[in-house]
N, C-alpha and C. Protein backbone atom coordinates (compact mmCIF):
# COMPACT_ATOMS: atom_id res chain seq x y z
N MET A 1 -13.55 35.83 -66.85
CA MET A 1 -13.55 36.91 -65.57
C MET A 1 -13.27 36.56 -64.22
N ALA A 2 -12.25 37.63 -63.89
CA ALA A 2 -11.55 37.38 -62.64
C ALA A 2 -12.40 38.38 -61.59
N ALA A 3 -12.59 37.71 -60.17
CA ALA A 3 -13.51 38.77 -59.38
C ALA A 3 -12.63 38.88 -58.09
N ASN A 4 -12.33 40.09 -57.25
CA ASN A 4 -11.40 40.01 -56.29
C ASN A 4 -12.40 40.44 -55.26
N GLU A 5 -12.31 40.30 -54.41
CA GLU A 5 -13.30 40.96 -52.85
C GLU A 5 -12.79 41.79 -52.13
N TYR A 6 -13.24 42.73 -51.23
CA TYR A 6 -12.56 43.54 -50.31
C TYR A 6 -13.19 43.94 -49.23
N GLN A 7 -12.79 44.19 -48.30
CA GLN A 7 -13.69 44.75 -47.26
C GLN A 7 -13.37 46.12 -46.98
N VAL A 8 -14.29 46.91 -47.15
CA VAL A 8 -13.81 48.55 -47.00
C VAL A 8 -14.51 48.72 -45.67
N THR A 9 -14.10 49.94 -44.68
CA THR A 9 -13.93 50.30 -43.80
C THR A 9 -14.49 51.95 -43.56
N GLY A 10 -15.36 52.53 -43.09
CA GLY A 10 -15.95 53.90 -43.50
C GLY A 10 -16.93 54.20 -44.14
N MET A 11 -17.91 53.54 -44.83
CA MET A 11 -18.97 53.51 -45.77
C MET A 11 -19.78 53.62 -45.02
N THR A 12 -21.21 54.40 -45.00
CA THR A 12 -22.10 54.69 -44.27
C THR A 12 -23.67 54.77 -45.57
N CYS A 13 -23.32 55.46 -46.66
CA CYS A 13 -24.51 55.79 -47.32
C CYS A 13 -24.06 55.34 -48.72
N GLY A 14 -25.09 55.94 -49.69
CA GLY A 14 -24.65 55.98 -51.19
C GLY A 14 -24.04 56.00 -51.64
N HIS A 15 -23.73 58.00 -51.01
CA HIS A 15 -22.64 58.55 -51.73
C HIS A 15 -21.20 58.10 -51.38
N CYS A 16 -21.09 57.23 -50.26
CA CYS A 16 -19.59 56.49 -49.78
C CYS A 16 -19.63 55.75 -51.16
N GLU A 17 -20.46 54.91 -51.44
CA GLU A 17 -20.44 53.74 -52.46
C GLU A 17 -20.13 54.42 -53.75
N MET A 18 -20.71 55.44 -53.87
CA MET A 18 -20.34 56.14 -55.44
C MET A 18 -18.89 56.55 -55.59
N SER A 19 -18.54 56.91 -54.37
CA SER A 19 -17.37 57.64 -54.15
C SER A 19 -16.13 56.33 -54.95
N VAL A 20 -16.49 55.28 -54.03
CA VAL A 20 -15.30 54.25 -54.01
C VAL A 20 -15.80 53.42 -55.54
N ARG A 21 -16.91 53.74 -55.86
CA ARG A 21 -16.72 52.89 -57.65
C ARG A 21 -16.37 53.94 -58.61
N GLU A 22 -16.38 54.95 -58.32
CA GLU A 22 -15.86 56.29 -59.39
C GLU A 22 -14.42 55.57 -59.09
N GLU A 23 -13.49 56.06 -58.13
CA GLU A 23 -12.24 55.94 -58.02
C GLU A 23 -11.57 54.62 -58.69
N VAL A 24 -12.78 53.52 -58.18
CA VAL A 24 -11.96 52.06 -58.20
C VAL A 24 -12.08 51.69 -59.82
N SER A 25 -13.32 52.15 -60.59
CA SER A 25 -13.44 51.81 -61.93
C SER A 25 -12.23 52.43 -62.89
N GLU A 26 -11.55 53.21 -62.40
CA GLU A 26 -10.56 53.88 -62.85
C GLU A 26 -9.42 53.14 -63.10
N VAL A 27 -9.06 51.93 -62.13
CA VAL A 27 -7.96 51.09 -62.24
C VAL A 27 -8.00 50.13 -63.71
N PRO A 28 -6.75 50.43 -64.17
CA PRO A 28 -6.58 49.11 -65.48
C PRO A 28 -7.04 48.01 -65.23
N GLY A 29 -8.15 47.53 -66.47
CA GLY A 29 -8.73 45.86 -66.37
C GLY A 29 -9.87 45.85 -65.47
N VAL A 30 -10.15 47.02 -64.77
CA VAL A 30 -11.28 46.82 -64.18
C VAL A 30 -12.75 46.76 -65.05
N GLU A 31 -13.76 46.18 -64.93
CA GLU A 31 -14.88 46.27 -65.81
C GLU A 31 -15.91 45.93 -65.53
N ASP A 32 -16.09 45.83 -63.67
CA ASP A 32 -17.38 45.90 -62.82
C ASP A 32 -16.88 45.99 -61.35
N VAL A 33 -17.75 47.29 -61.09
CA VAL A 33 -17.73 47.32 -59.51
C VAL A 33 -18.91 47.01 -58.69
N GLU A 34 -18.86 46.41 -58.22
CA GLU A 34 -19.69 46.11 -56.96
C GLU A 34 -19.95 46.55 -55.15
N VAL A 35 -20.22 47.60 -55.05
CA VAL A 35 -19.57 48.06 -53.67
C VAL A 35 -21.09 48.34 -53.05
N SER A 36 -21.49 47.74 -51.45
CA SER A 36 -22.36 48.15 -50.43
C SER A 36 -21.52 48.67 -49.26
N ALA A 37 -22.39 49.25 -48.91
CA ALA A 37 -21.98 50.50 -47.84
C ALA A 37 -22.37 50.03 -46.24
N GLN A 38 -23.74 49.00 -46.59
CA GLN A 38 -24.17 47.89 -45.54
C GLN A 38 -23.44 46.86 -45.06
N THR A 39 -22.94 46.62 -46.24
CA THR A 39 -22.14 45.23 -45.72
C THR A 39 -20.44 45.42 -45.66
N GLY A 40 -20.12 46.97 -46.41
CA GLY A 40 -18.59 47.19 -46.38
C GLY A 40 -17.90 46.55 -47.79
N LYS A 41 -18.88 45.19 -48.48
CA LYS A 41 -18.05 44.65 -49.31
C LYS A 41 -17.81 45.41 -50.75
N LEU A 42 -16.33 44.95 -51.56
CA LEU A 42 -16.88 45.56 -52.79
C LEU A 42 -15.91 44.23 -53.34
N VAL A 43 -17.09 44.53 -54.24
CA VAL A 43 -16.57 43.30 -55.69
C VAL A 43 -15.44 43.88 -56.78
N VAL A 44 -14.58 43.43 -57.26
CA VAL A 44 -13.96 44.30 -58.26
C VAL A 44 -14.01 43.38 -59.63
N SER A 45 -14.61 43.42 -60.75
CA SER A 45 -14.38 42.27 -61.70
C SER A 45 -13.43 42.94 -63.14
N GLY A 46 -12.93 41.92 -63.57
CA GLY A 46 -12.24 42.23 -64.86
C GLY A 46 -12.23 40.91 -65.67
N ALA A 47 -11.49 41.39 -67.22
CA ALA A 47 -11.15 40.24 -67.81
C ALA A 47 -9.71 39.76 -67.26
N GLY A 48 -8.81 40.49 -66.90
CA GLY A 48 -7.53 39.74 -66.80
C GLY A 48 -7.24 40.07 -65.33
N GLU A 49 -6.02 40.12 -65.07
CA GLU A 49 -5.25 40.00 -63.49
C GLU A 49 -5.86 41.51 -63.35
N ILE A 50 -6.43 41.98 -61.66
CA ILE A 50 -6.46 43.13 -61.13
C ILE A 50 -5.57 43.18 -60.14
N ASP A 51 -4.98 44.58 -60.28
CA ASP A 51 -3.97 44.92 -59.23
C ASP A 51 -4.31 45.41 -58.23
N ASP A 52 -4.37 45.07 -57.08
CA ASP A 52 -4.83 44.69 -55.48
C ASP A 52 -4.58 46.02 -54.69
N THR A 53 -2.83 46.10 -55.43
CA THR A 53 -2.37 47.58 -54.93
C THR A 53 -3.09 48.98 -55.58
N GLN A 54 -3.60 48.86 -56.93
CA GLN A 54 -3.80 50.04 -57.02
C GLN A 54 -5.80 49.85 -56.86
N VAL A 55 -6.24 48.89 -56.52
CA VAL A 55 -7.37 49.11 -55.95
C VAL A 55 -7.65 49.58 -54.79
N LEU A 56 -6.79 49.14 -53.91
CA LEU A 56 -6.45 49.54 -52.52
C LEU A 56 -6.58 50.90 -52.20
N ALA A 57 -5.11 51.52 -53.11
CA ALA A 57 -5.15 53.04 -53.31
C ALA A 57 -6.23 53.50 -54.04
N ALA A 58 -6.66 53.04 -54.97
CA ALA A 58 -8.29 54.16 -55.28
C ALA A 58 -8.95 53.96 -54.03
N VAL A 59 -9.50 53.14 -53.40
CA VAL A 59 -10.23 52.87 -52.11
C VAL A 59 -9.63 54.42 -51.43
N GLU A 60 -8.76 54.12 -50.98
CA GLU A 60 -7.72 55.11 -50.26
C GLU A 60 -8.18 56.91 -50.49
N GLU A 61 -8.11 56.93 -52.09
CA GLU A 61 -8.05 58.04 -52.96
C GLU A 61 -9.40 58.38 -51.99
N ALA A 62 -10.46 57.46 -52.39
CA ALA A 62 -11.81 58.15 -52.04
C ALA A 62 -12.05 58.21 -51.00
N GLY A 63 -11.34 57.96 -49.70
CA GLY A 63 -11.50 58.81 -48.46
C GLY A 63 -11.86 57.37 -47.33
N TYR A 64 -11.35 56.19 -47.50
CA TYR A 64 -11.56 55.08 -47.13
C TYR A 64 -10.36 54.08 -46.92
N SER A 65 -10.63 52.77 -46.06
CA SER A 65 -9.31 52.08 -46.50
C SER A 65 -10.53 50.51 -46.73
N ALA A 66 -9.53 49.92 -47.14
CA ALA A 66 -9.72 48.71 -47.48
C ALA A 66 -8.72 47.00 -47.36
N VAL A 67 -8.97 46.33 -46.90
CA VAL A 67 -8.24 45.00 -47.41
C VAL A 67 -9.02 43.94 -48.01
N ARG A 68 -7.84 42.96 -48.77
CA ARG A 68 -8.52 42.04 -49.21
C ARG A 68 -9.11 40.94 -48.22
N ALA A 69 -10.45 40.72 -49.28
CA ALA A 69 -11.09 39.75 -48.27
C ALA A 69 -10.38 38.14 -49.01
N GLY A 70 -11.05 37.08 -48.21
CA GLY A 70 -11.14 35.94 -48.71
C GLY A 70 -9.43 34.99 -48.74
């Protein structure tokens, strides 16, 4: 299982987390999404390689901005 970590800015509440989770879970290959508004941390896991570009685009679609962490 591969996991990519991102730092998201602009999330303030549980609703924000839900928006990000919904958009990111639609990215091909994504099997698990962990997101925290408190820390701004987004961890995306999947069996294969996950496309950063698609994850970042999904976060933007939800109305936030993200960068790859680590």
